[in-house]
Amino acid sequence: MESRSASCVSSEWKTLYQAALLEVDLNRLPQRIAEAERAANERIQDLNGSDNAEKVLVMNALNVLRDLRKMAGMEGQSSV
């Protein structure tokens, strides 16, 4: 597997998070949310052990994605 640069890994969760927030197709929304949650959880693992402001941002984003899942009526669907 190819290694990615730190800035690429750092920004991937943001890109996927924004895509989920801006998705208007309700059929694609569950996939967008799942992708964003996966990337955000991976980023939190990368930041584990560090006292980092980005970690707080990622955790807040995960809360927003959880709320988006609820608002879209997808509460019963498991997140990543």
Protein backbone atom coordinates (compact mmCIF):
# COMPACT_ATOMS: atom_id res chain seq x y z
CA MET A 1 0.00 0.00 0.00
CA GLU A 2 1.28 3.42 -0.88
CA SER A 3 2.03 5.72 2.01
CA ARG A 4 0.30 9.05 1.96
CA SER A 5 1.73 12.35 3.06
CA ALA A 6 0.71 13.70 6.45
CA SER A 7 -1.14 16.64 4.90
CA CYS A 8 -3.10 14.33 2.59
CA VAL A 9 -4.15 12.11 5.50
CA SER A 10 -4.94 15.20 7.56
CA SER A 11 -7.22 16.70 4.92
CA GLU A 12 -8.92 13.51 3.68
CA TRP A 13 -11.39 13.43 6.56
CA LYS A 14 -12.25 17.10 5.95
CA THR A 15 -12.96 16.50 2.26
CA LEU A 16 -15.17 13.49 2.96
CA TYR A 17 -16.91 15.31 5.82
CA GLN A 18 -17.75 18.24 3.55
CA ALA A 19 -19.00 15.85 0.85
CA ALA A 20 -21.37 14.26 3.36
CA LEU A 21 -22.65 17.63 4.57
CA LEU A 22 -23.27 18.85 1.03
CA GLU A 23 -24.80 15.63 -0.36
CA VAL A 24 -28.34 16.27 -1.60
CA ASP A 25 -29.03 12.80 -2.99
CA LEU A 26 -30.62 10.88 -0.11
CA ASN A 27 -29.68 7.59 -1.80
CA ARG A 28 -25.98 8.52 -1.70
CA LEU A 29 -26.04 10.14 1.74
CA PRO A 30 -25.55 6.93 3.79
CA GLN A 31 -22.40 6.08 1.82
CA ARG A 32 -21.07 9.62 2.14
CA ILE A 33 -21.62 9.58 5.90
CA ALA A 34 -19.97 6.16 6.25
CA GLU A 35 -16.93 7.28 4.26
CA ALA A 36 -16.57 10.45 6.33
CA GLU A 37 -16.93 8.54 9.60
CA ARG A 38 -14.31 6.01 8.53
CA ALA A 39 -11.82 8.72 7.60
CA ALA A 40 -12.52 10.71 10.77
CA ASN A 41 -12.05 7.65 12.98
CA GLU A 42 -8.80 6.83 11.20
CA ARG A 43 -7.60 10.39 11.75
CA ILE A 44 -8.42 10.20 15.46
CA GLN A 45 -6.33 7.04 15.67
CA ASP A 46 -3.47 8.85 13.91
CA LEU A 47 -3.72 11.66 16.46
CA ASN A 48 -3.98 9.30 19.45
CA GLY A 49 -1.76 10.37 22.28
CA SER A 50 -1.32 13.90 21.02
CA ASP A 51 -2.95 16.94 22.56
CA ASN A 52 -4.08 18.35 19.27
CA ALA A 53 -6.75 20.88 18.35
CA GLU A 54 -7.45 18.84 15.21
CA LYS A 55 -8.54 15.93 17.38
CA VAL A 56 -11.27 18.12 18.89
CA LEU A 57 -12.37 19.20 15.39
CA VAL A 58 -12.57 15.59 14.21
CA MET A 59 -14.57 14.54 17.25
CA ASN A 60 -16.97 17.43 16.67
CA ALA A 61 -17.31 16.40 13.03
CA LEU A 62 -18.19 12.85 14.10
CA ASN A 63 -20.94 14.27 16.32
CA VAL A 64 -22.32 16.28 13.40
CA LEU A 65 -22.25 13.17 11.17
CA ARG A 66 -24.14 11.24 13.85
CA ASP A 67 -26.76 14.00 13.95
CA LEU A 68 -26.95 14.07 10.14
CA ARG A 69 -27.54 10.30 10.18
CA LYS A 70 -30.41 10.82 12.65
CA MET A 71 -31.94 13.68 10.69
CA ALA A 72 -31.83 11.62 7.50
CA GLY A 73 -33.73 8.84 9.28
CA MET A 74 -30.79 6.45 9.21
CA GLU A 75 -30.48 5.93 12.99
CA GLY A 76 -30.85 2.17 12.67
CA GLN A 77 -27.98 1.88 10.21
CA SER A 78 -24.65 1.15 11.78
CA SER A 79 -21.79 3.57 11.44
CA VAL A 80 -18.24 2.44 10.72
